[in-house]
Protein backbone atom coordinates (compact mmCIF):
# COMPACT_ATOMS: atom_id res chain seq x y z
CA MET A 1 69.70 101.19 113.12
CA ALA A 2 71.74 101.74 109.86
CA ASP A 3 75.73 101.23 110.18
CA GLU A 4 77.28 104.18 109.80
CA TYR A 5 81.10 104.27 108.22
CA ILE A 6 83.53 107.27 108.94
CA LEU A 7 86.68 107.82 106.97
CA LEU A 8 89.48 109.34 108.57
CA VAL A 9 91.60 111.79 106.57
CA CYS A 10 94.98 111.58 107.29
CA ASP A 11 97.92 113.74 106.48
CA ASP A 12 100.19 110.34 105.98
CA VAL A 13 99.27 107.89 103.44
CA PRO A 14 100.02 104.49 104.73
CA HIS A 15 102.71 102.82 102.64
CA ASP A 16 104.29 99.08 102.01
CA VAL A 17 107.92 98.41 101.66
CA VAL A 18 107.93 95.51 98.80
CA LEU A 19 111.35 93.24 97.96
CA SER A 20 111.63 92.80 94.28
CA ASP A 21 115.11 91.24 94.58
CA PRO A 22 117.66 90.51 97.44
CA GLY A 23 120.56 91.04 94.78
CA VAL A 24 124.04 89.24 95.01
CA ARG A 25 124.49 89.64 98.82
CA VAL A 26 122.02 87.99 100.40
CA MET A 27 123.17 87.54 103.84
CA ASP A 28 123.35 91.56 103.91
CA VAL A 29 119.85 92.02 102.81
CA VAL A 30 118.40 89.33 105.67
CA GLN A 31 120.34 91.29 108.02
CA VAL A 32 118.28 94.05 107.33
CA VAL A 33 115.42 92.22 106.95
CA ARG A 34 115.84 91.07 110.29
CA ARG A 35 116.47 94.49 112.09
CA LEU A 36 113.36 95.91 109.92
CA THR A 37 110.48 93.40 110.88
CA GLY A 38 112.11 91.80 114.11
CA LEU A 39 111.87 88.41 112.99
CA SER A 40 113.99 85.50 113.75
CA LEU A 41 117.39 84.90 111.17
CA TRP A 42 115.83 81.55 109.99
CA ARG A 43 112.18 83.62 109.01
CA SER A 44 114.27 86.86 107.83
CA LYS A 45 116.01 84.80 105.20
CA VAL A 46 113.09 83.17 104.17
CA LEU A 47 111.27 86.21 103.61
CA ALA A 48 113.91 87.51 101.61
CA THR A 49 114.45 84.66 99.03
CA GLN A 50 110.80 84.62 98.19
CA PHE A 51 110.64 87.77 96.24
CA PRO A 52 108.79 90.18 95.32
CA ALA A 53 107.64 90.06 99.55
CA VAL A 54 105.94 92.98 101.47
CA LEU A 55 108.34 93.23 104.25
CA LEU A 56 106.53 96.58 106.31
CA ALA A 57 102.74 97.20 105.73
CA GLY A 58 101.30 100.40 106.65
CA VAL A 59 103.91 102.22 107.97
CA PRO A 60 104.24 106.07 107.25
CA GLU A 61 106.31 107.63 104.00
CA GLU A 62 109.44 108.43 105.96
CA ASP A 63 109.54 105.56 107.65
CA ALA A 64 109.35 103.13 104.64
CA ALA A 65 112.13 105.29 102.56
CA ALA A 66 113.91 104.71 105.42
CA ALA A 67 113.42 100.72 104.91
CA VAL A 68 114.31 101.06 101.29
CA SER A 69 116.88 103.07 101.47
CA ALA A 70 118.54 100.53 104.05
CA LEU A 71 117.75 97.36 101.75
CA ARG A 72 118.74 99.43 98.65
CA ASP A 73 122.40 100.18 100.59
CA ALA A 74 122.78 96.35 101.38
CA GLY A 75 122.43 95.74 97.64
CA ALA A 76 118.65 94.81 97.18
CA ARG A 77 116.11 96.30 95.23
CA ALA A 78 112.85 97.33 96.76
CA GLU A 79 110.41 99.85 96.61
CA THR A 80 107.48 101.92 98.49
CA ARG A 81 104.03 101.76 97.34
CA GLU A 82 100.85 103.62 98.60
CA ARG A 83 98.45 101.60 100.30
CA PRO A 84 94.92 101.52 98.38
CA GLU A 85 92.06 103.33 99.77
CA PRO A 86 89.79 100.98 101.41
CA ASP A 87 86.42 100.68 99.67
CA VAL A 88 83.94 102.30 102.11
CA PRO A 89 80.51 102.96 101.33
CA ARG A 90 79.63 106.53 101.07
CA HIS A 91 76.47 108.47 101.94
């Protein structure tokens, strides 16, 4: 039996939220990272200080934009990136 792949076409392309630089108000950024990811304070601090870091992966565009806005309000540099389309063989 041959393997068949089905490619689903969605209206919303998944996005990643990438932290480029936490800025000078690191603890404010850590609090935002903690709120966005649900991680502990310690893990949020580690994640915020090891940049560039993908904070959220595969979220809808609206959620990614809201997360980037919250990070920028805290003084960080962050951006959204579209996830690349998976390499699926087509027949």
